[in-house]
PDB file of N, CA and C in Angstrom:
ATOM      1  N   MET A   1      35.026 -22.639 -11.470  1.00  0.00           N
ATOM      2  CA  MET A   1      35.235 -21.458 -10.656  1.00  0.00           C
ATOM      3  C   MET A   1      33.939 -21.135  -9.914  1.00  0.00           C
ATOM      4  N   ARG A   2      34.017 -21.030  -8.614  1.00  0.00           N
ATOM      5  CA  ARG A   2      32.847 -20.760  -7.784  1.00  0.00           C
ATOM      6  C   ARG A   2      32.811 -19.277  -7.408  1.00  0.00           C
ATOM      7  N   ARG A   3      31.630 -18.685  -7.546  1.00  0.00           N
ATOM      8  CA  ARG A   3      31.469 -17.272  -7.201  1.00  0.00           C
ATOM      9  C   ARG A   3      31.272 -17.131  -5.700  1.00  0.00           C
ATOM     10  N   GLN A   4      31.922 -16.158  -5.150  1.00  0.00           N
ATOM     11  CA  GLN A   4      31.878 -15.951  -3.704  1.00  0.00           C
ATOM     12  C   GLN A   4      30.643 -15.170  -3.261  1.00  0.00           C
ATOM     13  N   LYS A   5      30.232 -14.188  -4.033  1.00  0.00           N
ATOM     14  CA  LYS A   5      29.141 -13.300  -3.612  1.00  0.00           C
ATOM     15  C   LYS A   5      27.948 -13.391  -4.556  1.00  0.00           C
ATOM     16  N   ALA A   6      27.469 -14.571  -4.786  1.00  0.00           N
ATOM     17  CA  ALA A   6      26.321 -14.757  -5.663  1.00  0.00           C
ATOM     18  C   ALA A   6      25.053 -14.318  -4.933  1.00  0.00           C
ATOM     19  N   LEU A   7      24.260 -13.491  -5.593  1.00  0.00           N
ATOM     20  CA  LEU A   7      23.005 -13.002  -5.019  1.00  0.00           C
ATOM     21  C   LEU A   7      21.836 -13.510  -5.858  1.00  0.00           C
ATOM     22  N   GLN A   8      20.696 -13.648  -5.222  1.00  0.00           N
ATOM     23  CA  GLN A   8      19.498 -14.022  -5.959  1.00  0.00           C
ATOM     24  C   GLN A   8      19.002 -12.822  -6.741  1.00  0.00           C
ATOM     25  N   ILE A   9      18.285 -13.102  -7.819  1.00  0.00           N
ATOM     26  CA  ILE A   9      17.809 -12.027  -8.704  1.00  0.00           C
ATOM     27  C   ILE A   9      16.880 -11.067  -7.956  1.00  0.00           C
ATOM     28  N   GLY A  10      16.061 -11.580  -7.046  1.00  0.00           N
ATOM     29  CA  GLY A  10      15.163 -10.718  -6.278  1.00  0.00           C
ATOM     30  C   GLY A  10      15.920  -9.731  -5.409  1.00  0.00           C
ATOM     31  N   GLU A  11      17.006 -10.183  -4.816  1.00  0.00           N
ATOM     32  CA  GLU A  11      17.835  -9.303  -3.994  1.00  0.00           C
ATOM     33  C   GLU A  11      18.481  -8.218  -4.849  1.00  0.00           C
ATOM     34  N   LEU A  12      18.918  -8.598  -6.041  1.00  0.00           N
ATOM     35  CA  LEU A  12      19.529  -7.613  -6.943  1.00  0.00           C
ATOM     36  C   LEU A  12      18.520  -6.555  -7.387  1.00  0.00           C
ATOM     37  N   ILE A  13      17.306  -6.985  -7.680  1.00  0.00           N
ATOM     38  CA  ILE A  13      16.265  -6.036  -8.100  1.00  0.00           C
ATOM     39  C   ILE A  13      15.932  -5.084  -6.958  1.00  0.00           C
ATOM     40  N   ASN A  14      15.772  -5.619  -5.750  1.00  0.00           N
ATOM     41  CA  ASN A  14      15.478  -4.763  -4.594  1.00  0.00           C
ATOM     42  C   ASN A  14      16.605  -3.775  -4.335  1.00  0.00           C
ATOM     43  N   GLN A  15      17.831  -4.228  -4.444  1.00  0.00           N
ATOM     44  CA  GLN A  15      18.986  -3.350  -4.240  1.00  0.00           C
ATOM     45  C   GLN A  15      19.012  -2.243  -5.300  1.00  0.00           C
ATOM     46  N   PHE A  16      18.755  -2.604  -6.563  1.00  0.00           N
ATOM     47  CA  PHE A  16      18.733  -1.619  -7.638  1.00  0.00           C
ATOM     48  C   PHE A  16      17.634  -0.584  -7.404  1.00  0.00           C
ATOM     49  N   MET A  17      16.434  -1.037  -7.045  1.00  0.00           N
ATOM     50  CA  MET A  17      15.319  -0.108  -6.827  1.00  0.00           C
ATOM     51  C   MET A  17      15.615   0.840  -5.673  1.00  0.00           C
ATOM     52  N   ARG A  18      16.235   0.333  -4.612  1.00  0.00           N
ATOM     53  CA  ARG A  18      16.589   1.169  -3.464  1.00  0.00           C
ATOM     54  C   ARG A  18      17.621   2.213  -3.868  1.00  0.00           C
ATOM     55  N   GLU A  19      18.640   1.799  -4.620  1.00  0.00           N
ATOM     56  CA  GLU A  19      19.704   2.718  -5.024  1.00  0.00           C
ATOM     57  C   GLU A  19      19.203   3.793  -5.975  1.00  0.00           C
ATOM     58  N   GLU A  20      18.248   3.459  -6.815  1.00  0.00           N
ATOM     59  CA  GLU A  20      17.723   4.411  -7.798  1.00  0.00           C
ATOM     60  C   GLU A  20      16.541   5.223  -7.272  1.00  0.00           C
ATOM     61  N   GLY A  21      16.138   4.998  -6.044  1.00  0.00           N
ATOM     62  CA  GLY A  21      15.033   5.755  -5.460  1.00  0.00           C
ATOM     63  C   GLY A  21      13.669   5.333  -5.974  1.00  0.00           C
ATOM     64  N   LEU A  22      13.545   4.095  -6.413  1.00  0.00           N
ATOM     65  CA  LEU A  22      12.290   3.606  -6.967  1.00  0.00           C
ATOM     66  C   LEU A  22      11.482   2.755  -5.990  1.00  0.00           C
ATOM     67  N   GLU A  23      12.068   2.435  -4.858  1.00  0.00           N
ATOM     68  CA  GLU A  23      11.401   1.545  -3.914  1.00  0.00           C
ATOM     69  C   GLU A  23      10.138   2.181  -3.316  1.00  0.00           C
ATOM     70  N   THR A  24      10.221   3.430  -2.901  1.00  0.00           N
ATOM     71  CA  THR A  24       9.068   4.093  -2.289  1.00  0.00           C
ATOM     72  C   THR A  24       7.920   4.274  -3.282  1.00  0.00           C
ATOM     73  N   PRO A  25       8.158   4.797  -4.498  1.00  0.00           N
ATOM     74  CA  PRO A  25       7.032   4.908  -5.437  1.00  0.00           C
ATOM     75  C   PRO A  25       6.408   3.551  -5.780  1.00  0.00           C
ATOM     76  N   TYR A  26       7.228   2.536  -5.881  1.00  0.00           N
ATOM     77  CA  TYR A  26       6.703   1.204  -6.181  1.00  0.00           C
ATOM     78  C   TYR A  26       5.832   0.687  -5.033  1.00  0.00           C
ATOM     79  N   ASN A  27       6.279   0.867  -3.803  1.00  0.00           N
ATOM     80  CA  ASN A  27       5.479   0.433  -2.655  1.00  0.00           C
ATOM     81  C   ASN A  27       4.188   1.232  -2.535  1.00  0.00           C
ATOM     82  N   GLU A  28       4.218   2.521  -2.875  1.00  0.00           N
ATOM     83  CA  GLU A  28       2.995   3.326  -2.871  1.00  0.00           C
ATOM     84  C   GLU A  28       2.005   2.791  -3.907  1.00  0.00           C
ATOM     85  N   TYR A  29       2.508   2.437  -5.066  1.00  0.00           N
ATOM     86  CA  TYR A  29       1.663   1.844  -6.109  1.00  0.00           C
ATOM     87  C   TYR A  29       1.048   0.538  -5.610  1.00  0.00           C
ATOM     88  N   ARG A  30       1.860  -0.273  -4.938  1.00  0.00           N
ATOM     89  CA  ARG A  30       1.376  -1.547  -4.418  1.00  0.00           C
ATOM     90  C   ARG A  30       0.302  -1.346  -3.351  1.00  0.00           C
ATOM     91  N   ILE A  31       0.444  -0.319  -2.511  1.00  0.00           N
ATOM     92  CA  ILE A  31      -0.580  -0.014  -1.487  1.00  0.00           C
ATOM     93  C   ILE A  31      -1.886   0.368  -2.166  1.00  0.00           C
ATOM     94  N   GLU A  32      -1.806   1.196  -3.204  1.00  0.00           N
ATOM     95  CA  GLU A  32      -3.019   1.615  -3.915  1.00  0.00           C
ATOM     96  C   GLU A  32      -3.752   0.418  -4.491  1.00  0.00           C
ATOM     97  N   LYS A  33      -3.022  -0.514  -5.066  1.00  0.00           N
ATOM     98  CA  LYS A  33      -3.633  -1.709  -5.645  1.00  0.00           C
ATOM     99  C   LYS A  33      -4.109  -2.681  -4.562  1.00  0.00           C
ATOM    100  N   ALA A  34      -3.441  -2.676  -3.416  1.00  0.00           N
ATOM    101  CA  ALA A  34      -3.802  -3.593  -2.330  1.00  0.00           C
ATOM    102  C   ALA A  34      -5.129  -3.211  -1.687  1.00  0.00           C
ATOM    103  N   TRP A  35      -5.558  -1.972  -1.827  1.00  0.00           N
ATOM    104  CA  TRP A  35      -6.809  -1.529  -1.203  1.00  0.00           C
ATOM    105  C   TRP A  35      -7.952  -2.474  -1.569  1.00  0.00           C
ATOM    106  N   GLY A  36      -8.105  -2.766  -2.847  1.00  0.00           N
ATOM    107  CA  GLY A  36      -9.184  -3.644  -3.299  1.00  0.00           C
ATOM    108  C   GLY A  36      -9.028  -5.069  -2.809  1.00  0.00           C
ATOM    109  N   GLU A  37      -7.796  -5.560  -2.787  1.00  0.00           N
ATOM    110  CA  GLU A  37      -7.543  -6.929  -2.351  1.00  0.00           C
ATOM    111  C   GLU A  37      -7.802  -7.091  -0.853  1.00  0.00           C
ATOM    112  N   VAL A  38      -7.387  -6.118  -0.077  1.00  0.00           N
ATOM    113  CA  VAL A  38      -7.524  -6.207   1.383  1.00  0.00           C
ATOM    114  C   VAL A  38      -8.955  -5.932   1.824  1.00  0.00           C
ATOM    115  N   MET A  39      -9.596  -4.947   1.214  1.00  0.00           N
ATOM    116  CA  MET A  39     -10.922  -4.534   1.673  1.00  0.00           C
ATOM    117  C   MET A  39     -12.056  -5.319   1.030  1.00  0.00           C
ATOM    118  N   GLY A  40     -11.843  -5.897  -0.119  1.00  0.00           N
ATOM    119  CA  GLY A  40     -12.857  -6.732  -0.754  1.00  0.00           C
ATOM    120  C   GLY A  40     -13.765  -5.975  -1.710  1.00  0.00           C
ATOM    121  N   GLN A  41     -14.562  -6.745  -2.434  1.00  0.00           N
ATOM    122  CA  GLN A  41     -15.433  -6.186  -3.477  1.00  0.00           C
ATOM    123  C   GLN A  41     -16.564  -5.329  -2.913  1.00  0.00           C
ATOM    124  N   GLY A  42     -17.046  -5.639  -1.728  1.00  0.00           N
ATOM    125  CA  GLY A  42     -18.126  -4.849  -1.132  1.00  0.00           C
ATOM    126  C   GLY A  42     -17.728  -3.401  -0.934  1.00  0.00           C
ATOM    127  N   ILE A  43     -16.535  -3.169  -0.430  1.00  0.00           N
ATOM    128  CA  ILE A  43     -16.037  -1.806  -0.228  1.00  0.00           C
ATOM    129  C   ILE A  43     -15.646  -1.182  -1.567  1.00  0.00           C
ATOM    130  N   MET A  44     -15.101  -1.985  -2.476  1.00  0.00           N
ATOM    131  CA  MET A  44     -14.660  -1.449  -3.775  1.00  0.00           C
ATOM    132  C   MET A  44     -15.814  -0.857  -4.578  1.00  0.00           C
ATOM    133  N   ARG A  45     -17.025  -1.344  -4.371  1.00  0.00           N
ATOM    134  CA  ARG A  45     -18.176  -0.785  -5.081  1.00  0.00           C
ATOM    135  C   ARG A  45     -18.397   0.688  -4.753  1.00  0.00           C
ATOM    136  N   TYR A  46     -17.985   1.095  -3.564  1.00  0.00           N
ATOM    137  CA  TYR A  46     -18.189   2.471  -3.110  1.00  0.00           C
ATOM    138  C   TYR A  46     -16.904   3.295  -3.129  1.00  0.00           C
ATOM    139  N   THR A  47     -15.845   2.738  -3.698  1.00  0.00           N
ATOM    140  CA  THR A  47     -14.545   3.406  -3.710  1.00  0.00           C
ATOM    141  C   THR A  47     -14.309   4.084  -5.045  1.00  0.00           C
ATOM    142  N   GLY A  48     -13.830   5.336  -4.970  1.00  0.00           N
ATOM    143  CA  GLY A  48     -13.421   6.070  -6.164  1.00  0.00           C
ATOM    144  C   GLY A  48     -11.903   6.038  -6.278  1.00  0.00           C
ATOM    145  N   ARG A  49     -11.305   7.202  -6.265  1.00  0.00           N
ATOM    146  CA  ARG A  49      -9.842   7.304  -6.384  1.00  0.00           C
ATOM    147  C   ARG A  49      -9.162   6.824  -5.108  1.00  0.00           C
ATOM    148  N   VAL A  50      -7.995   6.224  -5.289  1.00  0.00           N
ATOM    149  CA  VAL A  50      -7.146   5.797  -4.179  1.00  0.00           C
ATOM    150  C   VAL A  50      -5.734   6.227  -4.542  1.00  0.00           C
ATOM    151  N   PHE A  51      -5.108   7.056  -3.667  1.00  0.00           N
ATOM    152  CA  PHE A  51      -3.735   7.492  -3.956  1.00  0.00           C
ATOM    153  C   PHE A  51      -2.995   7.772  -2.653  1.00  0.00           C
ATOM    154  N   VAL A  52      -1.662   7.751  -2.750  1.00  0.00           N
ATOM    155  CA  VAL A  52      -0.794   7.985  -1.597  1.00  0.00           C
ATOM    156  C   VAL A  52      -0.064   9.295  -1.794  1.00  0.00           C
ATOM    157  N   LYS A  53      -0.023  10.097  -0.723  1.00  0.00           N
ATOM    158  CA  LYS A  53       0.724  11.350  -0.736  1.00  0.00           C
ATOM    159  C   LYS A  53       1.256  11.584   0.668  1.00  0.00           C
ATOM    160  N   ASN A  54       2.567  11.749   0.794  1.00  0.00           N
ATOM    161  CA  ASN A  54       3.215  12.010   2.086  1.00  0.00           C
ATOM    162  C   ASN A  54       2.860  10.968   3.144  1.00  0.00           C
ATOM    163  N   GLN A  55       2.981   9.721   2.803  1.00  0.00           N
ATOM    164  CA  GLN A  55       2.718   8.587   3.696  1.00  0.00           C
ATOM    165  C   GLN A  55       1.284   8.542   4.210  1.00  0.00           C
ATOM    166  N   THR A  56       0.375   9.151   3.474  1.00  0.00           N
ATOM    167  CA  THR A  56      -1.043   9.115   3.808  1.00  0.00           C
ATOM    168  C   THR A  56      -1.802   8.530   2.625  1.00  0.00           C
ATOM    169  N   LEU A  57      -2.645   7.548   2.882  1.00  0.00           N
ATOM    170  CA  LEU A  57      -3.483   6.964   1.848  1.00  0.00           C
ATOM    171  C   LEU A  57      -4.795   7.737   1.811  1.00  0.00           C
ATOM    172  N   TYR A  58      -5.120   8.288   0.654  1.00  0.00           N
ATOM    173  CA  TYR A  58      -6.381   9.000   0.456  1.00  0.00           C
ATOM    174  C   TYR A  58      -7.321   8.090  -0.317  1.00  0.00           C
ATOM    175  N   VAL A  59      -8.521   7.896   0.231  1.00  0.00           N
ATOM    176  CA  VAL A  59      -9.504   7.020  -0.388  1.00  0.00           C
ATOM    177  C   VAL A  59     -10.800   7.801  -0.548  1.00  0.00           C
ATOM    178  N   GLU A  60     -11.262   7.892  -1.776  1.00  0.00           N
ATOM    179  CA  GLU A  60     -12.533   8.557  -2.058  1.00  0.00           C
ATOM    180  C   GLU A  60     -13.648   7.521  -1.916  1.00  0.00           C
ATOM    181  N   LEU A  61     -14.594   7.806  -1.029  1.00  0.00           N
ATOM    182  CA  LEU A  61     -15.721   6.904  -0.812  1.00  0.00           C
ATOM    183  C   LEU A  61     -17.021   7.607  -1.187  1.00  0.00           C
ATOM    184  N   ARG A  62     -17.903   6.860  -1.859  1.00  0.00           N
ATOM    185  CA  ARG A  62     -19.174   7.427  -2.313  1.00  0.00           C
ATOM    186  C   ARG A  62     -20.318   7.167  -1.340  1.00  0.00           C
ATOM    187  N   SER A  63     -20.022   6.573  -0.204  1.00  0.00           N
ATOM    188  CA  SER A  63     -21.055   6.284   0.789  1.00  0.00           C
ATOM    189  C   SER A  63     -20.622   6.831   2.145  1.00  0.00           C
ATOM    190  N   SER A  64     -21.429   7.710   2.710  1.00  0.00           N
ATOM    191  CA  SER A  64     -21.093   8.277   4.016  1.00  0.00           C
ATOM    192  C   SER A  64     -21.173   7.216   5.118  1.00  0.00           C
ATOM    193  N   VAL A  65     -22.041   6.233   4.953  1.00  0.00           N
ATOM    194  CA  VAL A  65     -22.169   5.172   5.947  1.00  0.00           C
ATOM    195  C   VAL A  65     -20.890   4.318   5.968  1.00  0.00           C
ATOM    196  N   ILE A  66     -20.415   3.943   4.792  1.00  0.00           N
ATOM    197  CA  ILE A  66     -19.170   3.160   4.687  1.00  0.00           C
ATOM    198  C   ILE A  66     -18.008   3.982   5.229  1.00  0.00           C
ATOM    199  N   ARG A  67     -17.973   5.265   4.889  1.00  0.00           N
ATOM    200  CA  ARG A  67     -16.890   6.140   5.364  1.00  0.00           C
ATOM    201  C   ARG A  67     -16.857   6.146   6.897  1.00  0.00           C
ATOM    202  N   GLN A  68     -18.000   6.294   7.522  1.00  0.00           N
ATOM    203  CA  GLN A  68     -18.072   6.335   8.981  1.00  0.00           C
ATOM    204  C   GLN A  68     -17.618   5.014   9.594  1.00  0.00           C
ATOM    205  N   GLU A  69     -18.044   3.907   9.023  1.00  0.00           N
ATOM    206  CA  GLU A  69     -17.644   2.590   9.539  1.00  0.00           C
ATOM    207  C   GLU A  69     -16.138   2.376   9.416  1.00  0.00           C
ATOM    208  N   LEU A  70     -15.570   2.772   8.281  1.00  0.00           N
ATOM    209  CA  LEU A  70     -14.136   2.567   8.074  1.00  0.00           C
ATOM    210  C   LEU A  70     -13.293   3.499   8.945  1.00  0.00           C
ATOM    211  N   MET A  71     -13.805   4.654   9.273  1.00  0.00           N
ATOM    212  CA  MET A  71     -13.054   5.579  10.126  1.00  0.00           C
ATOM    213  C   MET A  71     -12.788   4.977  11.502  1.00  0.00           C
ATOM    214  N   LEU A  72     -13.689   4.137  11.970  1.00  0.00           N
ATOM    215  CA  LEU A  72     -13.512   3.510  13.278  1.00  0.00           C
ATOM    216  C   LEU A  72     -12.362   2.499  13.289  1.00  0.00           C
ATOM    217  N   GLY A  73     -12.055   1.927  12.116  1.00  0.00           N
ATOM    218  CA  GLY A  73     -11.023   0.906  12.055  1.00  0.00           C
ATOM    219  C   GLY A  73      -9.765   1.327  11.328  1.00  0.00           C
ATOM    220  N   ARG A  74      -9.501   2.635  11.262  1.00  0.00           N
ATOM    221  CA  ARG A  74      -8.339   3.117  10.506  1.00  0.00           C
ATOM    222  C   ARG A  74      -7.008   2.498  10.927  1.00  0.00           C
ATOM    223  N   PRO A  75      -6.686   2.422  12.220  1.00  0.00           N
ATOM    224  CA  PRO A  75      -5.377   1.828  12.580  1.00  0.00           C
ATOM    225  C   PRO A  75      -5.224   0.376  12.112  1.00  0.00           C
ATOM    226  N   GLN A  76      -6.306  -0.394  12.203  1.00  0.00           N
ATOM    227  CA  GLN A  76      -6.249  -1.775  11.756  1.00  0.00           C
ATOM    228  C   GLN A  76      -6.096  -1.865  10.237  1.00  0.00           C
ATOM    229  N   ILE A  77      -6.750  -0.980   9.513  1.00  0.00           N
ATOM    230  CA  ILE A  77      -6.655  -0.988   8.053  1.00  0.00           C
ATOM    231  C   ILE A  77      -5.235  -0.623   7.624  1.00  0.00           C
ATOM    232  N   VAL A  78      -4.648   0.374   8.276  1.00  0.00           N
ATOM    233  CA  VAL A  78      -3.259   0.758   7.973  1.00  0.00           C
ATOM    234  C   VAL A  78      -2.333  -0.436   8.182  1.00  0.00           C
ATOM    235  N   ALA A  79      -2.501  -1.122   9.301  1.00  0.00           N
ATOM    236  CA  ALA A  79      -1.650  -2.277   9.603  1.00  0.00           C
ATOM    237  C   ALA A  79      -1.843  -3.387   8.571  1.00  0.00           C
ATOM    238  N   ARG A  80      -3.083  -3.660   8.202  1.00  0.00           N
ATOM    239  CA  ARG A  80      -3.352  -4.717   7.215  1.00  0.00           C
ATOM    240  C   ARG A  80      -2.753  -4.388   5.860  1.00  0.00           C
ATOM    241  N   LEU A  81      -2.882  -3.137   5.423  1.00  0.00           N
ATOM    242  CA  LEU A  81      -2.314  -2.747   4.130  1.00  0.00           C
ATOM    243  C   LEU A  81      -0.788  -2.821   4.140  1.00  0.00           C
ATOM    244  N   ASN A  82      -0.168  -2.300   5.183  1.00  0.00           N
ATOM    245  CA  ASN A  82       1.292  -2.361   5.278  1.00  0.00           C
ATOM    246  C   ASN A  82       1.777  -3.811   5.339  1.00  0.00           C
ATOM    247  N   ASN A  83       1.072  -4.663   6.075  1.00  0.00           N
ATOM    248  CA  ASN A  83       1.438  -6.078   6.135  1.00  0.00           C
ATOM    249  C   ASN A  83       1.285  -6.749   4.781  1.00  0.00           C
ATOM    250  N   HIS A  84       0.250  -6.384   4.044  1.00  0.00           N
ATOM    251  CA  HIS A  84       0.016  -6.963   2.722  1.00  0.00           C
ATOM    252  C   HIS A  84       1.170  -6.646   1.775  1.00  0.00           C
ATOM    253  N   VAL A  85       1.686  -5.430   1.870  1.00  0.00           N
ATOM    254  CA  VAL A  85       2.783  -5.006   0.998  1.00  0.00           C
ATOM    255  C   VAL A  85       4.129  -5.476   1.552  1.00  0.00           C
ATOM    256  N   GLY A  86       4.215  -5.634   2.853  1.00  0.00           N
ATOM    257  CA  GLY A  86       5.463  -6.080   3.461  1.00  0.00           C
ATOM    258  C   GLY A  86       6.430  -4.952   3.764  1.00  0.00           C
ATOM    259  N   ALA A  87       5.912  -3.730   3.887  1.00  0.00           N
ATOM    260  CA  ALA A  87       6.744  -2.566   4.201  1.00  0.00           C
ATOM    261  C   ALA A  87       5.879  -1.517   4.886  1.00  0.00           C
ATOM    262  N   GLN A  88       6.527  -0.640   5.645  1.00  0.00           N
ATOM    263  CA  GLN A  88       5.824   0.463   6.304  1.00  0.00           C
ATOM    264  C   GLN A  88       5.715   1.607   5.298  1.00  0.00           C
ATOM    265  N   VAL A  89       4.622   1.634   4.538  1.00  0.00           N
ATOM    266  CA  VAL A  89       4.455   2.599   3.456  1.00  0.00           C
ATOM    267  C   VAL A  89       3.599   3.780   3.887  1.00  0.00           C
ATOM    268  N   ILE A  90       2.505   3.494   4.603  1.00  0.00           N
ATOM    269  CA  ILE A  90       1.601   4.575   5.001  1.00  0.00           C
ATOM    270  C   ILE A  90       1.529   4.665   6.522  1.00  0.00           C
ATOM    271  N   GLN A  91       1.252   5.881   6.992  1.00  0.00           N
ATOM    272  CA  GLN A  91       1.100   6.144   8.420  1.00  0.00           C
ATOM    273  C   GLN A  91      -0.368   6.289   8.804  1.00  0.00           C
ATOM    274  N   LYS A  92      -1.163   6.829   7.867  1.00  0.00           N
ATOM    275  CA  LYS A  92      -2.588   7.042   8.171  1.00  0.00           C
ATOM    276  C   LYS A  92      -3.424   7.015   6.897  1.00  0.00           C
ATOM    277  N   ILE A  93      -4.738   6.997   7.087  1.00  0.00           N
ATOM    278  CA  ILE A  93      -5.691   6.990   5.983  1.00  0.00           C
ATOM    279  C   ILE A  93      -6.638   8.164   6.145  1.00  0.00           C
ATOM    280  N   MET A  94      -6.914   8.831   5.042  1.00  0.00           N
ATOM    281  CA  MET A  94      -7.905   9.913   5.010  1.00  0.00           C
ATOM    282  C   MET A  94      -9.009   9.484   4.034  1.00  0.00           C
ATOM    283  N   PHE A  95     -10.232   9.522   4.480  1.00  0.00           N
ATOM    284  CA  PHE A  95     -11.371   9.213   3.619  1.00  0.00           C
ATOM    285  C   PHE A  95     -11.967  10.511   3.124  1.00  0.00           C
ATOM    286  N   ILE A  96     -12.048  10.657   1.815  1.00  0.00           N
ATOM    287  CA  ILE A  96     -12.553  11.883   1.209  1.00  0.00           C
ATOM    288  C   ILE A  96     -13.800  11.603   0.394  1.00  0.00           C
TER     289      ILE A  96
END
């Protein structure tokens, strides 16, 4: 007997997460973790808390020089992070 509507396990998991409202929190978590991977160890040395709230990524930086440099490239950083996760999760970044 052949099944007509066989789905891959990944598709089933994504469908379940979407139906249960877990997709957005999971993608926000992935963006927070992607910060270190995308920006590298040099920036991570000066990074404190990283969290998402209302489609905005908040990044605590301990260096005013790094903060100023990163502010110039905010649109590119947003695009790189969203591409890394594979979804449009954040709209902007705030450095605190």
